[in-house]
Protein backbone atom coordinates (compact mmCIF):
# COMPACT_ATOMS: atom_id res chain seq x y z
CA MET A 1 27.64 3.49 9.43
CA LYS A 2 28.25 6.21 6.88
CA LEU A 3 25.82 6.53 3.98
CA ARG A 4 27.68 6.50 0.67
CA ILE A 5 25.97 6.98 -2.67
CA THR A 6 27.49 4.82 -5.42
CA PRO A 7 26.62 4.01 -9.06
CA LEU A 8 25.41 0.53 -8.14
CA ASN A 9 22.94 2.12 -5.70
CA PHE A 10 21.39 3.88 -8.69
CA ALA A 11 21.34 0.60 -10.64
CA THR A 12 19.64 -1.21 -7.74
CA THR A 13 17.03 1.54 -7.52
CA PHE A 14 16.43 1.35 -11.27
CA PHE A 15 15.87 -2.42 -11.15
CA LEU A 16 13.49 -2.13 -8.17
CA LEU A 17 11.51 0.62 -9.89
CA ALA A 18 11.41 -1.37 -13.14
CA ALA A 19 10.12 -4.46 -11.29
CA ALA A 20 7.42 -2.42 -9.54
CA TYR A 21 6.41 -0.72 -12.81
CA ILE A 22 6.13 -4.06 -14.62
CA TRP A 23 4.03 -5.57 -11.83
CA ILE A 24 1.70 -2.58 -11.75
CA PHE A 25 1.32 -1.81 -15.47
CA GLY A 26 2.49 -5.06 -17.09
CA ALA A 27 5.21 -5.67 -19.63
CA HIS A 28 4.83 -4.35 -23.18
CA ILE A 29 7.24 -5.14 -26.00
CA ALA A 30 6.71 -3.37 -29.32
CA GLY A 31 3.26 -2.24 -28.21
CA ARG A 32 2.00 -5.77 -27.50
CA PRO A 33 1.16 -6.60 -23.88
CA LEU A 34 2.73 -9.71 -22.39
CA GLU A 35 0.16 -10.71 -19.77
CA SER A 36 1.59 -14.13 -18.99
CA TRP A 37 5.21 -12.95 -18.75
CA SER A 38 4.80 -9.81 -16.61
CA GLY A 39 5.27 -11.62 -13.30
CA THR A 40 8.31 -13.52 -14.55
CA ILE A 41 9.95 -10.38 -15.90
CA GLY A 42 9.25 -8.59 -12.61
CA TRP A 43 10.93 -11.41 -10.65
CA ILE A 44 13.93 -11.27 -13.01
CA PHE A 45 14.32 -7.54 -12.32
CA LEU A 46 14.13 -8.25 -8.58
CA LEU A 47 16.87 -10.87 -8.99
CA PHE A 48 19.00 -8.32 -10.86
CA ALA A 49 18.44 -5.80 -8.05
CA PHE A 50 19.54 -8.34 -5.44
CA VAL A 51 22.68 -9.29 -7.39
CA VAL A 52 23.64 -5.64 -7.95
CA PHE A 53 23.04 -4.86 -4.25
CA PHE A 54 25.26 -7.79 -3.25
CA LEU A 55 28.00 -6.67 -5.67
CA ASP A 56 27.81 -3.18 -4.20
CA LEU A 57 28.43 -4.62 -0.73
CA ILE A 58 31.39 -6.62 -2.02
CA PHE A 59 32.94 -3.61 -3.74
CA ARG A 60 32.45 -1.49 -0.60
CA ASN A 61 34.46 -4.02 1.41
CA PHE A 62 37.34 -4.08 -1.07
CA PHE A 63 37.57 -0.34 -1.79
CA ALA A 64 37.37 1.89 1.28
CA GLU A 65 38.05 5.17 -0.51
CA LEU A 66 34.93 6.61 -2.15
CA LYS A 67 36.71 7.89 -5.27
CA LYS A 68 38.20 4.47 -6.05
CA LEU A 69 34.86 2.83 -5.36
CA TRP A 70 33.13 5.11 -7.88
CA ILE A 71 35.79 4.41 -10.52
CA VAL A 72 35.60 0.63 -10.03
CA GLU A 73 31.81 0.55 -10.07
CA LEU A 74 31.56 2.77 -13.16
CA CYS A 75 34.10 0.54 -14.93
CA PHE A 76 32.06 -2.51 -13.90
CA ILE A 77 28.86 -0.96 -15.29
CA ALA A 78 30.66 -0.05 -18.54
CA LEU A 79 32.04 -3.59 -18.84
CA VAL A 80 28.59 -5.12 -18.33
CA ALA A 81 27.11 -2.74 -20.93
CA VAL A 82 29.81 -3.64 -23.48
CA ILE A 83 29.30 -7.38 -22.88
CA PHE A 84 25.52 -6.92 -23.21
CA LEU A 85 25.93 -5.10 -26.52
CA LEU A 86 28.37 -7.73 -27.84
CA VAL A 87 26.02 -10.57 -26.94
CA LYS A 88 23.00 -8.76 -28.33
């Protein structure tokens, strides 16, 4: 199996690191600690990491060429960011 670095690999790593950081140091929003929500937020980031990892596997099966895979995954990340900003 050939190791291929893709944008969703970076996103999965970010979510795993964010979950670990929140479990170790706790969640803080606007300088206030959220002691009771830190575990829940950590589990949510782990769920995000799992979903992104699964999507990466799906995209790898559909797009064999690395250049097309990068383009599709970057467009997917941009689409998710735009939807997030519209909902926010």
